[in-house]
Amino acid sequence: MIIVGEGEDQEPPDDFLRKSVRDTVLNLLGDYRYLSKGYYVSLHAEENGCVVYPRRFLRLDIYRAPVFIERLKKAGIDTPKICVLRDPNPEKCVLVPLNPFSKNSAKLVKTESQYNRYFKSLSMDYHYLVVQVCAEGEVEEFDFYLGKTKKSNNWIFRRIYDIFGVPIGRILAEKDGGRIRPFYFMPLMKAEIDFGFLREVLNENWLLCRKL
């Protein structure tokens, strides 16, 4: 297996992109959006006939909140109620962008003035739809590494990895007591990746890298 990333003992992405490869590839760059370096690493591996995680088409599902949530629901994972809106409907909620230019831009809304400001920003002056998440509990971030997080060993995170095969990201979820209800998956930049924890996860169980 070739592990491509920017941590110690990982294949640098620029080196990987310059050579022909014939192996299983684990892409740990953390940002797999269209035209990112992570996108091109997966594309290069696919063009060389490799099995690669993540596959390019899966990241299209995971970064789009309505699609992400719908696939979780089909897998039996509880999620908060959402609405996809063209026009504002102010309430206490979390607003999530659908415009293609946002990164990690979810906004927790507590007042009507916040709502109107965030909605205008995330919709890019009302040109794009916005996802409104009705989260009743506390909203928390979980940095996600091959189905593991430091904050929780809840089975849901392992299941998300099984469904999507995307190895690294940040998950927004509603947390109410012991219940975790995920609703948004975001990329992680190099400066945000905990390489020490990532190394622990890789060393702990190589079955995390198995073919889905």
N, C-alpha and C. Protein backbone atom coordinates (compact mmCIF):
# COMPACT_ATOMS: atom_id res chain seq x y z
N MET A 1 0.84 -1.19 0.00
CA MET A 1 0.00 0.00 0.00
C MET A 1 0.88 1.25 0.00
N ILE A 2 0.51 2.23 -0.83
CA ILE A 2 1.18 3.53 -0.84
C ILE A 2 0.31 4.50 -0.04
N ILE A 3 0.89 5.11 0.99
CA ILE A 3 0.18 6.09 1.80
C ILE A 3 0.66 7.47 1.39
N VAL A 4 -0.22 8.24 0.76
CA VAL A 4 0.13 9.57 0.28
C VAL A 4 -0.35 10.61 1.28
N GLY A 5 0.55 11.47 1.72
CA GLY A 5 0.18 12.51 2.67
C GLY A 5 1.34 13.44 2.92
N GLU A 6 1.20 14.26 3.93
CA GLU A 6 2.24 15.24 4.23
C GLU A 6 2.83 15.03 5.62
N GLY A 7 2.62 13.84 6.16
CA GLY A 7 3.20 13.48 7.45
C GLY A 7 4.47 12.66 7.28
N GLU A 8 5.07 12.34 8.41
CA GLU A 8 6.30 11.53 8.43
C GLU A 8 6.02 10.14 7.87
N ASP A 9 6.95 9.64 7.05
CA ASP A 9 6.85 8.29 6.46
C ASP A 9 5.68 8.16 5.48
N GLN A 10 5.24 9.28 4.93
CA GLN A 10 4.19 9.26 3.91
C GLN A 10 4.75 9.76 2.58
N GLU A 11 4.21 9.25 1.50
CA GLU A 11 4.65 9.65 0.16
C GLU A 11 4.18 11.08 -0.12
N PRO A 12 5.09 12.02 -0.38
CA PRO A 12 4.67 13.39 -0.69
C PRO A 12 3.82 13.40 -1.96
N PRO A 13 2.74 14.17 -1.97
CA PRO A 13 1.82 14.14 -3.12
C PRO A 13 2.49 14.55 -4.43
N ASP A 14 3.40 15.52 -4.40
CA ASP A 14 4.06 15.94 -5.64
C ASP A 14 4.90 14.81 -6.22
N ASP A 15 5.57 14.04 -5.37
CA ASP A 15 6.34 12.88 -5.84
C ASP A 15 5.41 11.83 -6.43
N PHE A 16 4.31 11.57 -5.75
CA PHE A 16 3.36 10.56 -6.20
C PHE A 16 2.79 10.91 -7.58
N LEU A 17 2.48 12.18 -7.79
CA LEU A 17 1.84 12.60 -9.03
C LEU A 17 2.79 12.54 -10.23
N ARG A 18 4.09 12.43 -9.97
CA ARG A 18 5.06 12.41 -11.07
C ARG A 18 5.40 11.00 -11.55
N LYS A 19 4.86 9.96 -10.91
CA LYS A 19 5.30 8.62 -11.28
C LYS A 19 4.12 7.70 -11.57
N SER A 20 4.40 6.64 -12.29
CA SER A 20 3.41 5.59 -12.51
C SER A 20 3.36 4.71 -11.27
N VAL A 21 2.17 4.27 -10.91
CA VAL A 21 2.01 3.45 -9.71
C VAL A 21 1.14 2.24 -10.01
N ARG A 22 1.33 1.19 -9.22
CA ARG A 22 0.54 -0.02 -9.38
C ARG A 22 0.41 -0.64 -8.01
N ASP A 23 -0.51 -0.09 -7.19
CA ASP A 23 -0.66 -0.55 -5.82
C ASP A 23 -1.97 0.03 -5.27
N THR A 24 -2.37 -0.43 -4.11
CA THR A 24 -3.47 0.22 -3.39
C THR A 24 -2.96 1.53 -2.81
N VAL A 25 -3.78 2.59 -2.90
CA VAL A 25 -3.35 3.92 -2.48
C VAL A 25 -4.30 4.45 -1.41
N LEU A 26 -3.73 4.88 -0.29
CA LEU A 26 -4.49 5.55 0.76
C LEU A 26 -4.10 7.02 0.73
N ASN A 27 -5.06 7.86 0.37
CA ASN A 27 -4.84 9.29 0.19
C ASN A 27 -5.22 10.02 1.48
N LEU A 28 -4.21 10.52 2.21
CA LEU A 28 -4.43 11.13 3.53
C LEU A 28 -4.24 12.64 3.51
N LEU A 29 -4.50 13.27 2.38
CA LEU A 29 -4.29 14.71 2.30
C LEU A 29 -5.37 15.52 3.03
N GLY A 30 -6.55 14.94 3.23
CA GLY A 30 -7.56 15.59 4.06
C GLY A 30 -8.51 16.51 3.34
N ASP A 31 -8.12 17.03 2.18
CA ASP A 31 -9.00 17.88 1.37
C ASP A 31 -9.13 17.22 0.01
N TYR A 32 -10.34 16.73 -0.29
CA TYR A 32 -10.57 15.98 -1.52
C TYR A 32 -11.53 16.71 -2.45
N ARG A 33 -11.72 17.99 -2.22
CA ARG A 33 -12.63 18.75 -3.08
C ARG A 33 -12.08 18.84 -4.51
N TYR A 34 -12.98 19.13 -5.43
CA TYR A 34 -12.63 19.22 -6.85
C TYR A 34 -11.48 20.19 -7.06
N LEU A 35 -10.46 19.74 -7.79
CA LEU A 35 -9.26 20.50 -8.17
C LEU A 35 -8.28 20.72 -7.01
N SER A 36 -8.55 20.14 -5.84
CA SER A 36 -7.56 20.16 -4.76
C SER A 36 -6.46 19.14 -5.07
N LYS A 37 -5.35 19.23 -4.36
CA LYS A 37 -4.28 18.24 -4.56
C LYS A 37 -4.75 16.84 -4.18
N GLY A 38 -5.59 16.76 -3.14
CA GLY A 38 -6.15 15.46 -2.78
C GLY A 38 -6.99 14.86 -3.89
N TYR A 39 -7.73 15.70 -4.59
CA TYR A 39 -8.52 15.25 -5.74
C TYR A 39 -7.60 14.66 -6.81
N TYR A 40 -6.51 15.37 -7.11
CA TYR A 40 -5.62 14.92 -8.18
C TYR A 40 -4.87 13.64 -7.80
N VAL A 41 -4.56 13.46 -6.52
CA VAL A 41 -3.92 12.21 -6.09
C VAL A 41 -4.85 11.03 -6.36
N SER A 42 -6.13 11.16 -5.98
CA SER A 42 -7.07 10.07 -6.24
C SER A 42 -7.27 9.86 -7.73
N LEU A 43 -7.34 10.95 -8.50
CA LEU A 43 -7.48 10.85 -9.95
C LEU A 43 -6.29 10.12 -10.57
N HIS A 44 -5.07 10.47 -10.16
CA HIS A 44 -3.86 9.84 -10.69
C HIS A 44 -3.84 8.34 -10.37
N ALA A 45 -4.23 7.99 -9.15
CA ALA A 45 -4.27 6.58 -8.77
C ALA A 45 -5.29 5.82 -9.62
N GLU A 46 -6.46 6.41 -9.82
CA GLU A 46 -7.48 5.75 -10.64
C GLU A 46 -7.03 5.58 -12.08
N GLU A 47 -6.38 6.60 -12.61
CA GLU A 47 -5.91 6.52 -14.00
C GLU A 47 -4.82 5.46 -14.17
N ASN A 48 -4.13 5.13 -13.09
CA ASN A 48 -3.12 4.07 -13.12
C ASN A 48 -3.70 2.71 -12.77
N GLY A 49 -5.01 2.62 -12.63
CA GLY A 49 -5.67 1.35 -12.35
C GLY A 49 -5.57 0.88 -10.93
N CYS A 50 -5.30 1.80 -10.00
CA CYS A 50 -5.14 1.43 -8.59
C CYS A 50 -6.48 1.46 -7.85
N VAL A 51 -6.58 0.65 -6.80
CA VAL A 51 -7.63 0.83 -5.81
C VAL A 51 -7.21 1.99 -4.92
N VAL A 52 -8.06 2.98 -4.75
CA VAL A 52 -7.67 4.18 -4.01
C VAL A 52 -8.78 4.58 -3.05
N TYR A 53 -8.37 5.05 -1.89
CA TYR A 53 -9.28 5.61 -0.88
C TYR A 53 -8.85 7.04 -0.58
N PRO A 54 -9.75 8.04 -0.77
CA PRO A 54 -11.12 7.87 -1.26
C PRO A 54 -11.18 7.87 -2.79
N ARG A 55 -12.21 7.22 -3.31
CA ARG A 55 -12.49 7.35 -4.73
C ARG A 55 -13.11 8.72 -4.99
N ARG A 56 -12.86 9.26 -6.15
CA ARG A 56 -13.27 10.65 -6.42
C ARG A 56 -14.77 10.85 -6.27
N PHE A 57 -15.58 9.92 -6.77
CA PHE A 57 -17.02 10.16 -6.76
C PHE A 57 -17.58 10.17 -5.34
N LEU A 58 -16.93 9.49 -4.39
CA LEU A 58 -17.44 9.46 -3.03
C LEU A 58 -17.33 10.81 -2.35
N ARG A 59 -16.30 11.58 -2.67
CA ARG A 59 -16.17 12.88 -2.01
C ARG A 59 -17.28 13.82 -2.47
N LEU A 60 -17.86 13.60 -3.65
CA LEU A 60 -18.99 14.42 -4.08
C LEU A 60 -20.17 14.24 -3.14
N ASP A 61 -20.37 13.02 -2.64
CA ASP A 61 -21.46 12.74 -1.71
C ASP A 61 -21.19 13.32 -0.33
N ILE A 62 -19.98 13.16 0.14
CA ILE A 62 -19.73 13.45 1.56
C ILE A 62 -19.69 14.95 1.85
N TYR A 63 -19.30 15.78 0.89
CA TYR A 63 -19.20 17.21 1.15
C TYR A 63 -20.51 17.97 0.90
N ARG A 64 -21.51 17.32 0.37
CA ARG A 64 -22.80 17.97 0.11
C ARG A 64 -23.77 17.54 1.21
N ALA A 65 -24.08 18.45 2.11
CA ALA A 65 -24.81 18.10 3.33
C ALA A 65 -26.09 17.30 3.07
N PRO A 66 -26.97 17.69 2.13
CA PRO A 66 -28.20 16.90 1.93
C PRO A 66 -27.92 15.47 1.48
N VAL A 67 -26.92 15.28 0.62
CA VAL A 67 -26.58 13.93 0.15
C VAL A 67 -25.94 13.12 1.28
N PHE A 68 -25.03 13.76 2.01
CA PHE A 68 -24.40 13.12 3.17
C PHE A 68 -25.46 12.62 4.16
N ILE A 69 -26.39 13.50 4.50
CA ILE A 69 -27.44 13.15 5.46
C ILE A 69 -28.35 12.05 4.93
N GLU A 70 -28.72 12.13 3.66
CA GLU A 70 -29.61 11.12 3.10
C GLU A 70 -28.97 9.73 3.11
N ARG A 71 -27.68 9.67 2.81
CA ARG A 71 -27.01 8.37 2.84
C ARG A 71 -26.86 7.84 4.26
N LEU A 72 -26.65 8.75 5.23
CA LEU A 72 -26.61 8.32 6.63
C LEU A 72 -27.97 7.76 7.05
N LYS A 73 -29.03 8.44 6.68
CA LYS A 73 -30.38 7.98 7.06
C LYS A 73 -30.68 6.61 6.46
N LYS A 74 -30.27 6.38 5.22
CA LYS A 74 -30.50 5.09 4.58
C LYS A 74 -29.71 3.98 5.28
N ALA A 75 -28.61 4.36 5.94
CA ALA A 75 -27.80 3.39 6.68
C ALA A 75 -28.27 3.22 8.12
N GLY A 76 -29.37 3.89 8.49
CA GLY A 76 -29.92 3.74 9.83
C GLY A 76 -29.31 4.65 10.87
N ILE A 77 -28.61 5.71 10.44
CA ILE A 77 -28.00 6.67 11.36
C ILE A 77 -28.93 7.87 11.53
N ASP A 78 -29.21 8.19 12.78
CA ASP A 78 -30.11 9.31 13.07
C ASP A 78 -29.41 10.63 12.76
N THR A 79 -30.14 11.56 12.16
CA THR A 79 -29.61 12.88 11.80
C THR A 79 -30.62 13.95 12.17
N PRO A 80 -30.18 15.21 12.34
CA PRO A 80 -31.14 16.27 12.60
C PRO A 80 -32.01 16.56 11.37
N LYS A 81 -33.11 17.22 11.60
CA LYS A 81 -33.97 17.66 10.51
C LYS A 81 -33.29 18.81 9.77
N ILE A 82 -33.38 18.79 8.43
CA ILE A 82 -32.81 19.88 7.65
C ILE A 82 -33.84 20.41 6.65
N CYS A 83 -33.63 21.67 6.23
CA CYS A 83 -34.38 22.26 5.13
C CYS A 83 -33.37 22.88 4.17
N VAL A 84 -33.63 22.75 2.88
CA VAL A 84 -32.79 23.40 1.87
C VAL A 84 -33.57 24.60 1.36
N LEU A 85 -33.02 25.80 1.59
CA LEU A 85 -33.76 27.04 1.39
C LEU A 85 -33.13 27.94 0.35
N ARG A 86 -33.99 28.58 -0.43
CA ARG A 86 -33.54 29.65 -1.31
C ARG A 86 -33.72 31.01 -0.64
N ASP A 87 -34.76 31.11 0.18
CA ASP A 87 -35.06 32.36 0.87
C ASP A 87 -34.92 32.17 2.37
N PRO A 88 -34.53 33.21 3.10
CA PRO A 88 -34.31 33.10 4.54
C PRO A 88 -35.58 32.73 5.30
N ASN A 89 -35.41 31.95 6.37
CA ASN A 89 -36.49 31.62 7.30
C ASN A 89 -35.88 31.61 8.70
N PRO A 90 -35.69 32.80 9.31
CA PRO A 90 -34.87 32.91 10.52
C PRO A 90 -35.36 32.06 11.69
N GLU A 91 -34.42 31.36 12.32
CA GLU A 91 -34.63 30.65 13.57
C GLU A 91 -33.27 30.25 14.12
N LYS A 92 -33.23 29.79 15.36
CA LYS A 92 -31.99 29.28 15.92
C LYS A 92 -31.66 27.96 15.22
N CYS A 93 -30.49 27.86 14.64
CA CYS A 93 -30.17 26.70 13.81
C CYS A 93 -28.69 26.72 13.47
N VAL A 94 -28.28 25.80 12.62
CA VAL A 94 -26.96 25.84 12.00
C VAL A 94 -27.19 26.00 10.50
N LEU A 95 -26.50 26.96 9.90
CA LEU A 95 -26.58 27.16 8.45
C LEU A 95 -25.34 26.57 7.79
N VAL A 96 -25.58 25.80 6.74
CA VAL A 96 -24.51 25.09 6.04
C VAL A 96 -24.56 25.49 4.56
N PRO A 97 -23.42 25.82 3.95
CA PRO A 97 -23.44 26.28 2.56
C PRO A 97 -23.64 25.15 1.56
N LEU A 98 -24.25 25.49 0.43
CA LEU A 98 -24.26 24.62 -0.74
C LEU A 98 -23.49 25.25 -1.89
N ASN A 99 -23.03 26.49 -1.71
CA ASN A 99 -22.24 27.09 -2.79
C ASN A 99 -20.90 26.36 -2.90
N PRO A 100 -20.33 26.27 -4.12
CA PRO A 100 -19.15 25.43 -4.33
C PRO A 100 -17.84 26.06 -3.87
N PHE A 101 -17.89 27.25 -3.28
CA PHE A 101 -16.66 27.97 -2.95
C PHE A 101 -16.36 27.98 -1.46
N SER A 102 -17.23 27.43 -0.64
CA SER A 102 -17.05 27.48 0.81
C SER A 102 -16.24 26.31 1.32
N LYS A 103 -15.49 26.56 2.40
CA LYS A 103 -14.77 25.51 3.11
C LYS A 103 -14.97 25.73 4.60
N ASN A 104 -15.47 24.68 5.28
CA ASN A 104 -15.64 24.75 6.74
C ASN A 104 -16.41 26.00 7.16
N SER A 105 -17.52 26.27 6.46
CA SER A 105 -18.22 27.54 6.63
C SER A 105 -19.55 27.44 7.38
N ALA A 106 -19.80 26.34 8.04
CA ALA A 106 -21.05 26.22 8.79
C ALA A 106 -21.12 27.29 9.87
N LYS A 107 -22.33 27.83 10.10
CA LYS A 107 -22.52 28.92 11.05
C LYS A 107 -23.60 28.57 12.06
N LEU A 108 -23.25 28.67 13.34
CA LEU A 108 -24.21 28.46 14.41
C LEU A 108 -24.95 29.77 14.65
N VAL A 109 -26.27 29.75 14.50
CA VAL A 109 -27.09 30.97 14.56
C VAL A 109 -27.81 31.04 15.90
N LYS A 110 -27.72 32.19 16.57
CA LYS A 110 -28.41 32.39 17.84
C LYS A 110 -29.38 33.56 17.82
N THR A 111 -29.20 34.49 16.88
CA THR A 111 -30.08 35.67 16.80
C THR A 111 -30.54 35.87 15.36
N GLU A 112 -31.59 36.63 15.20
CA GLU A 112 -32.11 36.89 13.85
C GLU A 112 -31.13 37.70 13.02
N SER A 113 -30.44 38.64 13.65
CA SER A 113 -29.46 39.43 12.89
C SER A 113 -28.30 38.55 12.40
N GLN A 114 -27.86 37.62 13.25
CA GLN A 114 -26.84 36.66 12.81
C GLN A 114 -27.36 35.85 11.63
N TYR A 115 -28.58 35.37 11.76
CA TYR A 115 -29.17 34.54 10.72
C TYR A 115 -29.13 35.25 9.37
N ASN A 116 -29.62 36.48 9.34
CA ASN A 116 -29.70 37.22 8.07
C ASN A 116 -28.31 37.48 7.49
N ARG A 117 -27.36 37.79 8.35
CA ARG A 117 -25.99 38.05 7.87
C ARG A 117 -25.36 36.78 7.32
N TYR A 118 -25.50 35.67 8.06
CA TYR A 118 -24.90 34.42 7.62
C TYR A 118 -25.57 33.88 6.37
N PHE A 119 -26.88 33.99 6.31
CA PHE A 119 -27.60 33.47 5.14
C PHE A 119 -27.15 34.20 3.88
N LYS A 120 -27.04 35.51 3.97
CA LYS A 120 -26.61 36.30 2.81
C LYS A 120 -25.20 35.90 2.39
N SER A 121 -24.31 35.69 3.37
CA SER A 121 -22.93 35.32 3.07
C SER A 121 -22.84 33.93 2.45
N LEU A 122 -23.49 32.95 3.08
CA LEU A 122 -23.38 31.56 2.60
C LEU A 122 -24.09 31.35 1.27
N SER A 123 -25.12 32.14 1.00
CA SER A 123 -25.82 32.03 -0.28
C SER A 123 -25.17 32.88 -1.36
N MET A 124 -24.12 33.59 -0.98
CA MET A 124 -23.42 34.51 -1.89
C MET A 124 -24.42 35.47 -2.53
N ASP A 125 -25.03 36.27 -1.64
CA ASP A 125 -26.05 37.26 -2.03
C ASP A 125 -27.24 36.60 -2.71
N TYR A 126 -27.67 35.43 -2.12
CA TYR A 126 -28.90 34.75 -2.52
C TYR A 126 -28.81 34.09 -3.91
N HIS A 127 -27.60 33.80 -4.35
CA HIS A 127 -27.43 33.09 -5.62
C HIS A 127 -27.45 31.57 -5.45
N TYR A 128 -27.17 31.09 -4.22
CA TYR A 128 -27.11 29.65 -3.98
C TYR A 128 -28.04 29.26 -2.83
N LEU A 129 -28.46 28.01 -2.85
CA LEU A 129 -29.27 27.47 -1.76
C LEU A 129 -28.43 27.33 -0.49
N VAL A 130 -29.10 27.32 0.64
CA VAL A 130 -28.46 27.15 1.94
C VAL A 130 -29.19 26.04 2.69
N VAL A 131 -28.43 25.22 3.41
CA VAL A 131 -29.02 24.15 4.22
C VAL A 131 -29.20 24.67 5.65
N GLN A 132 -30.42 24.53 6.16
CA GLN A 132 -30.74 24.94 7.52
C GLN A 132 -30.94 23.69 8.38
N VAL A 133 -30.10 23.55 9.40
CA VAL A 133 -30.11 22.36 10.25
C VAL A 133 -30.75 22.70 11.58
N CYS A 134 -31.79 21.96 11.93
CA CYS A 134 -32.50 22.20 13.19
C CYS A 134 -31.89 21.32 14.28
N ALA A 135 -30.77 21.77 14.82
CA ALA A 135 -30.08 21.01 15.86
C ALA A 135 -30.61 21.41 17.23
N GLU A 136 -31.16 20.45 17.96
CA GLU A 136 -31.75 20.74 19.27
C GLU A 136 -30.73 20.70 20.39
N GLY A 137 -29.70 19.90 20.26
CA GLY A 137 -28.67 19.78 21.30
C GLY A 137 -27.47 20.64 21.00
N GLU A 138 -26.38 20.36 21.68
CA GLU A 138 -25.12 21.08 21.48
C GLU A 138 -24.48 20.64 20.16
N VAL A 139 -23.93 21.60 19.42
CA VAL A 139 -23.25 21.29 18.16
C VAL A 139 -21.75 21.15 18.44
N GLU A 140 -21.16 20.05 18.01
CA GLU A 140 -19.76 19.78 18.31
C GLU A 140 -19.02 19.32 17.06
N GLU A 141 -17.71 19.64 16.99
CA GLU A 141 -16.86 19.20 15.90
C GLU A 141 -16.08 17.95 16.32
N PHE A 142 -15.95 17.01 15.37
CA PHE A 142 -15.16 15.79 15.60
C PHE A 142 -14.19 15.63 14.44
N ASP A 143 -12.89 15.72 14.72
CA ASP A 143 -11.91 15.44 13.69
C ASP A 143 -11.82 13.93 13.50
N PHE A 144 -11.88 13.51 12.26
CA PHE A 144 -12.20 12.13 11.88
C PHE A 144 -11.02 11.52 11.13
N TYR A 145 -10.52 10.38 11.63
CA TYR A 145 -9.38 9.69 11.01
C TYR A 145 -9.73 8.22 10.84
N LEU A 146 -10.07 7.83 9.61
CA LEU A 146 -10.38 6.44 9.28
C LEU A 146 -11.37 5.82 10.27
N GLY A 147 -12.41 6.56 10.59
CA GLY A 147 -13.45 6.05 11.46
C GLY A 147 -13.21 6.26 12.94
N LYS A 148 -12.12 6.94 13.31
CA LYS A 148 -11.80 7.18 14.72
C LYS A 148 -11.78 8.68 15.00
N THR A 149 -12.14 9.05 16.23
CA THR A 149 -11.99 10.42 16.70
C THR A 149 -11.41 10.39 18.11
N LYS A 150 -10.75 11.47 18.49
CA LYS A 150 -10.22 11.56 19.85
C LYS A 150 -11.33 11.74 20.88
N LYS A 151 -12.39 12.42 20.48
CA LYS A 151 -13.43 12.81 21.43
C LYS A 151 -14.40 11.68 21.76
N SER A 152 -14.58 10.75 20.85
CA SER A 152 -15.63 9.74 21.04
C SER A 152 -15.25 8.45 20.32
N ASN A 153 -15.63 7.32 20.93
CA ASN A 153 -15.48 6.03 20.24
C ASN A 153 -16.84 5.50 19.78
N ASN A 154 -17.79 6.41 19.56
CA ASN A 154 -19.12 6.04 19.11
C ASN A 154 -19.04 5.27 17.78
N TRP A 155 -19.85 4.24 17.64
CA TRP A 155 -19.86 3.39 16.46
C TRP A 155 -20.19 4.16 15.18
N ILE A 156 -20.85 5.31 15.33
CA ILE A 156 -21.29 6.07 14.16
C ILE A 156 -20.10 6.47 13.28
N PHE A 157 -18.98 6.82 13.89
CA PHE A 157 -17.84 7.29 13.11
C PHE A 157 -17.23 6.17 12.26
N ARG A 158 -17.17 4.99 12.83
CA ARG A 158 -16.70 3.84 12.06
C ARG A 158 -17.65 3.56 10.90
N ARG A 159 -18.95 3.72 11.16
CA ARG A 159 -19.95 3.46 10.11
C ARG A 159 -19.84 4.48 8.97
N ILE A 160 -19.53 5.73 9.31
CA ILE A 160 -19.35 6.75 8.27
C ILE A 160 -18.17 6.38 7.37
N TYR A 161 -17.11 5.87 7.98
CA TYR A 161 -15.96 5.44 7.16
C TYR A 161 -16.36 4.27 6.27
N ASP A 162 -17.13 3.33 6.80
CA ASP A 162 -17.58 2.19 6.00
C ASP A 162 -18.42 2.64 4.81
N ILE A 163 -19.28 3.63 5.02
CA ILE A 163 -20.19 4.08 3.97
C ILE A 163 -19.45 4.83 2.87
N PHE A 164 -18.58 5.76 3.25
CA PHE A 164 -18.00 6.69 2.29
C PHE A 164 -16.55 6.37 1.91
N GLY A 165 -15.80 5.72 2.78
CA GLY A 165 -14.40 5.43 2.47
C GLY A 165 -13.51 6.64 2.41
N VAL A 166 -13.96 7.77 2.95
CA VAL A 166 -13.14 8.99 2.98
C VAL A 166 -12.36 8.99 4.30
N PRO A 167 -11.02 9.01 4.24
CA PRO A 167 -10.25 8.72 5.45
C PRO A 167 -10.13 9.85 6.46
N ILE A 168 -10.14 11.11 6.02
CA ILE A 168 -9.88 12.22 6.94
C ILE A 168 -10.87 13.34 6.70
N GLY A 169 -11.35 13.95 7.77
CA GLY A 169 -12.22 15.12 7.65
C GLY A 169 -12.66 15.60 9.02
N ARG A 170 -13.54 16.56 8.99
CA ARG A 170 -14.11 17.10 10.23
C ARG A 170 -15.63 16.97 10.13
N ILE A 171 -16.22 16.37 11.15
CA ILE A 171 -17.66 16.13 11.17
C ILE A 171 -18.32 17.08 12.16
N LEU A 172 -19.38 17.73 11.71
CA LEU A 172 -20.23 18.49 12.62
C LEU A 172 -21.40 17.60 13.01
N ALA A 173 -21.71 17.57 14.30
CA ALA A 173 -22.79 16.71 14.78
C ALA A 173 -23.51 17.38 15.94
N GLU A 174 -24.78 17.06 16.06
CA GLU A 174 -25.55 17.45 17.24
C GLU A 174 -25.29 16.41 18.33
N LYS A 175 -24.93 16.87 19.51
CA LYS A 175 -24.67 15.95 20.63
C LYS A 175 -25.64 16.27 21.75
N ASP A 176 -26.40 15.26 22.14
CA ASP A 176 -27.40 15.42 23.19
C ASP A 176 -27.27 14.22 24.12
N GLY A 177 -26.57 14.41 25.25
CA GLY A 177 -26.27 13.28 26.12
C GLY A 177 -25.33 12.33 25.39
N GLY A 178 -25.69 11.06 25.33
CA GLY A 178 -24.87 10.08 24.63
C GLY A 178 -25.20 9.96 23.16
N ARG A 179 -26.18 10.71 22.69
CA ARG A 179 -26.62 10.61 21.29
C ARG A 179 -25.82 11.57 20.42
N ILE A 180 -25.30 11.06 19.30
CA ILE A 180 -24.58 11.87 18.33
C ILE A 180 -25.30 11.77 16.99
N ARG A 181 -25.64 12.93 16.43
CA ARG A 181 -26.38 12.97 15.16
C ARG A 181 -25.59 13.81 14.16
N PRO A 182 -24.80 13.20 13.29
CA PRO A 182 -23.96 13.94 12.34
C PRO A 182 -24.78 14.59 11.24
N PHE A 183 -24.27 15.73 10.71
CA PHE A 183 -24.98 16.38 9.62
C PHE A 183 -24.08 17.07 8.59
N TYR A 184 -22.78 17.18 8.85
CA TYR A 184 -21.94 17.89 7.89
C TYR A 184 -20.52 17.35 7.97
N PHE A 185 -19.90 17.14 6.81
CA PHE A 185 -18.53 16.64 6.71
C PHE A 185 -17.70 17.66 5.94
N MET A 186 -16.56 18.06 6.52
CA MET A 186 -15.74 19.12 5.95
C MET A 186 -14.31 18.62 5.73
N PRO A 187 -13.58 19.25 4.81
CA PRO A 187 -12.17 18.89 4.64
C PRO A 187 -11.32 19.37 5.81
N LEU A 188 -10.17 18.73 5.99
CA LEU A 188 -9.15 19.17 6.94
C LEU A 188 -7.92 19.63 6.17
N MET A 189 -7.41 20.80 6.52
CA MET A 189 -6.18 21.29 5.92
C MET A 189 -4.97 20.71 6.65
N LYS A 190 -3.80 20.81 6.02
CA LYS A 190 -2.58 20.24 6.60
C LYS A 190 -2.35 20.72 8.03
N ALA A 191 -2.55 22.02 8.27
CA ALA A 191 -2.28 22.58 9.60
C ALA A 191 -3.26 22.06 10.65
N GLU A 192 -4.38 21.49 10.21
CA GLU A 192 -5.40 21.01 11.13
C GLU A 192 -5.28 19.52 11.43
N ILE A 193 -4.47 18.80 10.66
CA ILE A 193 -4.36 17.35 10.82
C ILE A 193 -3.48 17.02 12.02
N ASP A 194 -3.95 16.15 12.87
CA ASP A 194 -3.19 15.65 14.01
C ASP A 194 -2.41 14.41 13.55
N PHE A 195 -1.18 14.62 13.10
CA PHE A 195 -0.41 13.53 12.51
C PHE A 195 -0.06 12.46 13.54
N GLY A 196 0.10 12.86 14.81
CA GLY A 196 0.38 11.88 15.85
C GLY A 196 -0.78 10.92 16.03
N PHE A 197 -2.00 11.45 16.11
CA PHE A 197 -3.17 10.60 16.26
C PHE A 197 -3.40 9.76 15.01
N LEU A 198 -3.18 10.37 13.84
CA LEU A 198 -3.32 9.62 12.60
C LEU A 198 -2.38 8.42 12.57
N ARG A 199 -1.14 8.62 13.03
CA ARG A 199 -0.18 7.52 13.08
C ARG A 199 -0.65 6.43 14.02
N GLU A 200 -1.21 6.82 15.17
CA GLU A 200 -1.75 5.84 16.12
C GLU A 200 -2.85 5.01 15.48
N VAL A 201 -3.74 5.66 14.75
CA VAL A 201 -4.86 4.96 14.12
C VAL A 201 -4.34 3.96 13.08
N LEU A 202 -3.38 4.38 12.28
CA LEU A 202 -2.83 3.49 11.26
C LEU A 202 -2.12 2.29 11.90
N ASN A 203 -1.38 2.55 12.96
CA ASN A 203 -0.63 1.46 13.63
C ASN A 203 -1.55 0.53 14.40
N GLU A 204 -2.67 1.06 14.88
CA GLU A 204 -3.57 0.28 15.73
C GLU A 204 -4.25 -0.84 14.98
N ASN A 205 -4.67 -0.56 13.76
CA ASN A 205 -5.47 -1.57 13.07
C ASN A 205 -5.42 -1.36 11.57
N TRP A 206 -4.62 -2.12 10.88
CA TRP A 206 -4.52 -1.98 9.43
C TRP A 206 -5.80 -2.39 8.72
N LEU A 207 -6.71 -3.07 9.41
CA LEU A 207 -7.99 -3.43 8.78
C LEU A 207 -8.82 -2.19 8.45
N LEU A 208 -8.49 -1.06 9.08
CA LEU A 208 -9.19 0.17 8.73
C LEU A 208 -8.97 0.55 7.26
N CYS A 209 -7.92 0.03 6.67
CA CYS A 209 -7.58 0.38 5.29
C CYS A 209 -8.09 -0.66 4.29
N ARG A 210 -8.86 -1.60 4.74
CA ARG A 210 -9.27 -2.68 3.86
C ARG A 210 -10.22 -2.17 2.78
N LYS A 211 -10.35 -2.95 1.74
CA LYS A 211 -11.28 -2.60 0.66
C LYS A 211 -12.71 -2.67 1.19
N LEU A 212 -13.51 -1.64 0.84
CA LEU A 212 -14.90 -1.61 1.30
C LEU A 212 -15.74 -2.59 0.49
